[in-house]
């Protein structure tokens, strides 16, 4: 029951659709908007290294 309570407290926009990457953390880490961060995470799925590399290229 505690898991259900915890999950209901998580904002839907802060966790990626795959549940593998916190969008707010990713956006802050790379200086991106939430929209851009979510777009990159969706494009690269659960591959965090690829998402990080894409975010680094995003500004250049």
N, C-alpha and C. Protein backbone atom coordinates (compact mmCIF):
# COMPACT_ATOMS: atom_id res chain seq x y z
N UNK A 1 0.82 -1.19 0.00
CA UNK A 1 0.00 0.00 0.00
C UNK A 1 0.86 1.25 0.00
N UNK A 2 2.01 1.22 0.61
CA UNK A 2 2.86 2.40 0.64
C UNK A 2 3.38 2.74 -0.76
N UNK A 3 3.56 1.71 -1.61
CA UNK A 3 4.01 1.97 -2.98
C UNK A 3 2.97 2.77 -3.75
N UNK A 4 1.72 2.44 -3.58
CA UNK A 4 0.66 3.15 -4.29
C UNK A 4 0.61 4.61 -3.84
N UNK A 5 0.79 4.85 -2.56
CA UNK A 5 0.80 6.23 -2.06
C UNK A 5 1.98 7.00 -2.63
N UNK A 6 3.13 6.39 -2.63
CA UNK A 6 4.33 7.05 -3.14
C UNK A 6 4.18 7.38 -4.62
N UNK A 7 3.69 6.45 -5.39
CA UNK A 7 3.53 6.67 -6.82
C UNK A 7 2.54 7.79 -7.11
N UNK A 8 1.50 7.94 -6.30
CA UNK A 8 0.51 8.98 -6.54
C UNK A 8 1.06 10.37 -6.24
N UNK A 9 2.14 10.45 -5.48
CA UNK A 9 2.72 11.75 -5.14
C UNK A 9 3.68 12.26 -6.21
N UNK A 10 4.09 11.39 -7.12
CA UNK A 10 5.03 11.78 -8.18
C UNK A 10 4.26 12.50 -9.27
N UNK A 11 4.76 13.67 -9.64
CA UNK A 11 4.11 14.43 -10.71
C UNK A 11 4.36 13.73 -12.03
N UNK A 12 3.33 13.56 -12.87
CA UNK A 12 3.48 12.86 -14.13
C UNK A 12 4.52 13.48 -15.06
N UNK A 13 4.71 14.78 -15.01
CA UNK A 13 5.64 15.44 -15.92
C UNK A 13 7.09 15.32 -15.48
N UNK A 14 7.33 14.83 -14.26
CA UNK A 14 8.70 14.76 -13.80
C UNK A 14 9.36 13.42 -14.10
N UNK A 15 8.57 12.43 -14.44
CA UNK A 15 9.13 11.12 -14.74
C UNK A 15 8.89 10.82 -16.21
N UNK A 16 9.93 10.34 -16.88
CA UNK A 16 9.80 10.04 -18.30
C UNK A 16 8.77 8.94 -18.52
N UNK A 17 8.23 8.86 -19.74
CA UNK A 17 7.23 7.84 -20.03
C UNK A 17 7.72 6.42 -19.72
N UNK A 18 8.98 6.17 -19.91
CA UNK A 18 9.51 4.84 -19.62
C UNK A 18 9.80 4.67 -18.13
N UNK A 19 9.73 5.77 -17.38
CA UNK A 19 9.97 5.72 -15.95
C UNK A 19 11.43 5.59 -15.58
N UNK A 20 12.32 5.75 -16.56
CA UNK A 20 13.73 5.49 -16.30
C UNK A 20 14.54 6.75 -16.02
N UNK A 21 14.01 7.91 -16.29
CA UNK A 21 14.79 9.13 -16.12
C UNK A 21 13.89 10.23 -15.60
N UNK A 22 14.33 10.95 -14.58
CA UNK A 22 13.59 12.06 -14.01
C UNK A 22 13.79 13.26 -14.94
N UNK A 23 12.71 13.71 -15.55
CA UNK A 23 12.78 14.78 -16.55
C UNK A 23 13.27 16.08 -15.94
N UNK A 24 12.79 16.42 -14.76
CA UNK A 24 13.21 17.68 -14.12
C UNK A 24 14.71 17.67 -13.84
N UNK A 25 15.22 16.55 -13.35
CA UNK A 25 16.66 16.43 -13.08
C UNK A 25 17.46 16.56 -14.39
N UNK A 26 17.01 15.87 -15.41
CA UNK A 26 17.69 15.89 -16.71
C UNK A 26 17.69 17.31 -17.28
N UNK A 27 16.56 18.00 -17.20
CA UNK A 27 16.45 19.36 -17.72
C UNK A 27 17.40 20.30 -16.98
N UNK A 28 17.42 20.20 -15.67
CA UNK A 28 18.30 21.06 -14.87
C UNK A 28 19.77 20.75 -15.12
N UNK A 29 20.09 19.47 -15.19
CA UNK A 29 21.47 19.02 -15.42
C UNK A 29 22.04 19.60 -16.71
N UNK A 30 21.19 19.70 -17.74
CA UNK A 30 21.67 20.15 -19.06
C UNK A 30 21.19 21.54 -19.44
N UNK A 31 20.49 22.23 -18.53
CA UNK A 31 20.02 23.58 -18.83
C UNK A 31 18.96 23.62 -19.92
N UNK A 32 18.09 22.63 -19.93
CA UNK A 32 17.05 22.53 -20.96
C UNK A 32 15.68 22.87 -20.37
N UNK A 33 14.74 23.18 -21.24
CA UNK A 33 13.36 23.32 -20.80
C UNK A 33 12.81 21.92 -20.55
N UNK A 34 11.75 21.83 -19.79
CA UNK A 34 11.12 20.53 -19.53
C UNK A 34 10.67 19.89 -20.85
N UNK A 35 10.16 20.71 -21.74
CA UNK A 35 9.67 20.21 -23.03
C UNK A 35 10.81 19.59 -23.84
N UNK A 36 11.94 20.30 -23.92
CA UNK A 36 13.08 19.78 -24.67
C UNK A 36 13.68 18.54 -24.01
N UNK A 37 13.74 18.56 -22.69
CA UNK A 37 14.27 17.41 -21.96
C UNK A 37 13.41 16.17 -22.20
N UNK A 38 12.11 16.33 -22.14
CA UNK A 38 11.20 15.22 -22.36
C UNK A 38 11.33 14.69 -23.79
N UNK A 39 11.48 15.59 -24.74
CA UNK A 39 11.64 15.20 -26.14
C UNK A 39 12.90 14.35 -26.32
N UNK A 40 14.00 14.76 -25.70
CA UNK A 40 15.25 14.00 -25.82
C UNK A 40 15.14 12.64 -25.13
N UNK A 41 14.51 12.61 -23.97
CA UNK A 41 14.36 11.35 -23.25
C UNK A 41 13.47 10.39 -24.04
N UNK A 42 12.41 10.90 -24.62
CA UNK A 42 11.54 10.04 -25.44
C UNK A 42 12.29 9.50 -26.64
N UNK A 43 13.14 10.32 -27.24
CA UNK A 43 13.88 9.90 -28.44
C UNK A 43 14.91 8.83 -28.13
N UNK A 44 15.48 8.86 -26.93
CA UNK A 44 16.56 7.93 -26.60
C UNK A 44 16.17 6.84 -25.62
N UNK A 45 14.93 6.83 -25.21
CA UNK A 45 14.43 5.76 -24.35
C UNK A 45 15.22 5.62 -23.06
N UNK A 46 15.56 4.40 -22.73
CA UNK A 46 16.23 4.15 -21.45
C UNK A 46 17.75 4.27 -21.54
N UNK A 47 18.27 4.69 -22.68
CA UNK A 47 19.72 4.84 -22.85
C UNK A 47 20.14 6.21 -22.35
N UNK A 48 20.50 6.28 -21.07
CA UNK A 48 20.86 7.57 -20.45
C UNK A 48 22.10 8.19 -21.08
N UNK A 49 23.07 7.37 -21.43
CA UNK A 49 24.28 7.91 -22.05
C UNK A 49 23.96 8.60 -23.36
N UNK A 50 23.12 7.99 -24.18
CA UNK A 50 22.74 8.59 -25.46
C UNK A 50 21.94 9.87 -25.23
N UNK A 51 21.06 9.88 -24.25
CA UNK A 51 20.28 11.08 -23.94
C UNK A 51 21.20 12.20 -23.46
N UNK A 52 22.18 11.87 -22.62
CA UNK A 52 23.14 12.88 -22.15
C UNK A 52 23.96 13.45 -23.30
N UNK A 53 24.42 12.58 -24.19
CA UNK A 53 25.20 13.05 -25.35
C UNK A 53 24.35 13.95 -26.25
N UNK A 54 23.11 13.57 -26.46
CA UNK A 54 22.20 14.38 -27.29
C UNK A 54 21.95 15.74 -26.65
N UNK A 55 21.81 15.77 -25.34
CA UNK A 55 21.58 17.03 -24.63
C UNK A 55 22.80 17.94 -24.75
N UNK A 56 23.98 17.37 -24.71
CA UNK A 56 25.20 18.17 -24.86
C UNK A 56 25.28 18.76 -26.26
N UNK A 57 24.87 18.01 -27.25
CA UNK A 57 24.88 18.51 -28.64
C UNK A 57 23.75 19.50 -28.87
N UNK A 58 22.72 19.44 -28.09
CA UNK A 58 21.53 20.28 -28.26
C UNK A 58 21.88 21.76 -28.22
N UNK A 59 22.81 22.16 -27.39
CA UNK A 59 23.20 23.57 -27.23
C UNK A 59 24.25 24.03 -28.21
N UNK A 60 24.89 23.11 -28.89
CA UNK A 60 26.00 23.49 -29.78
C UNK A 60 25.57 23.66 -31.19
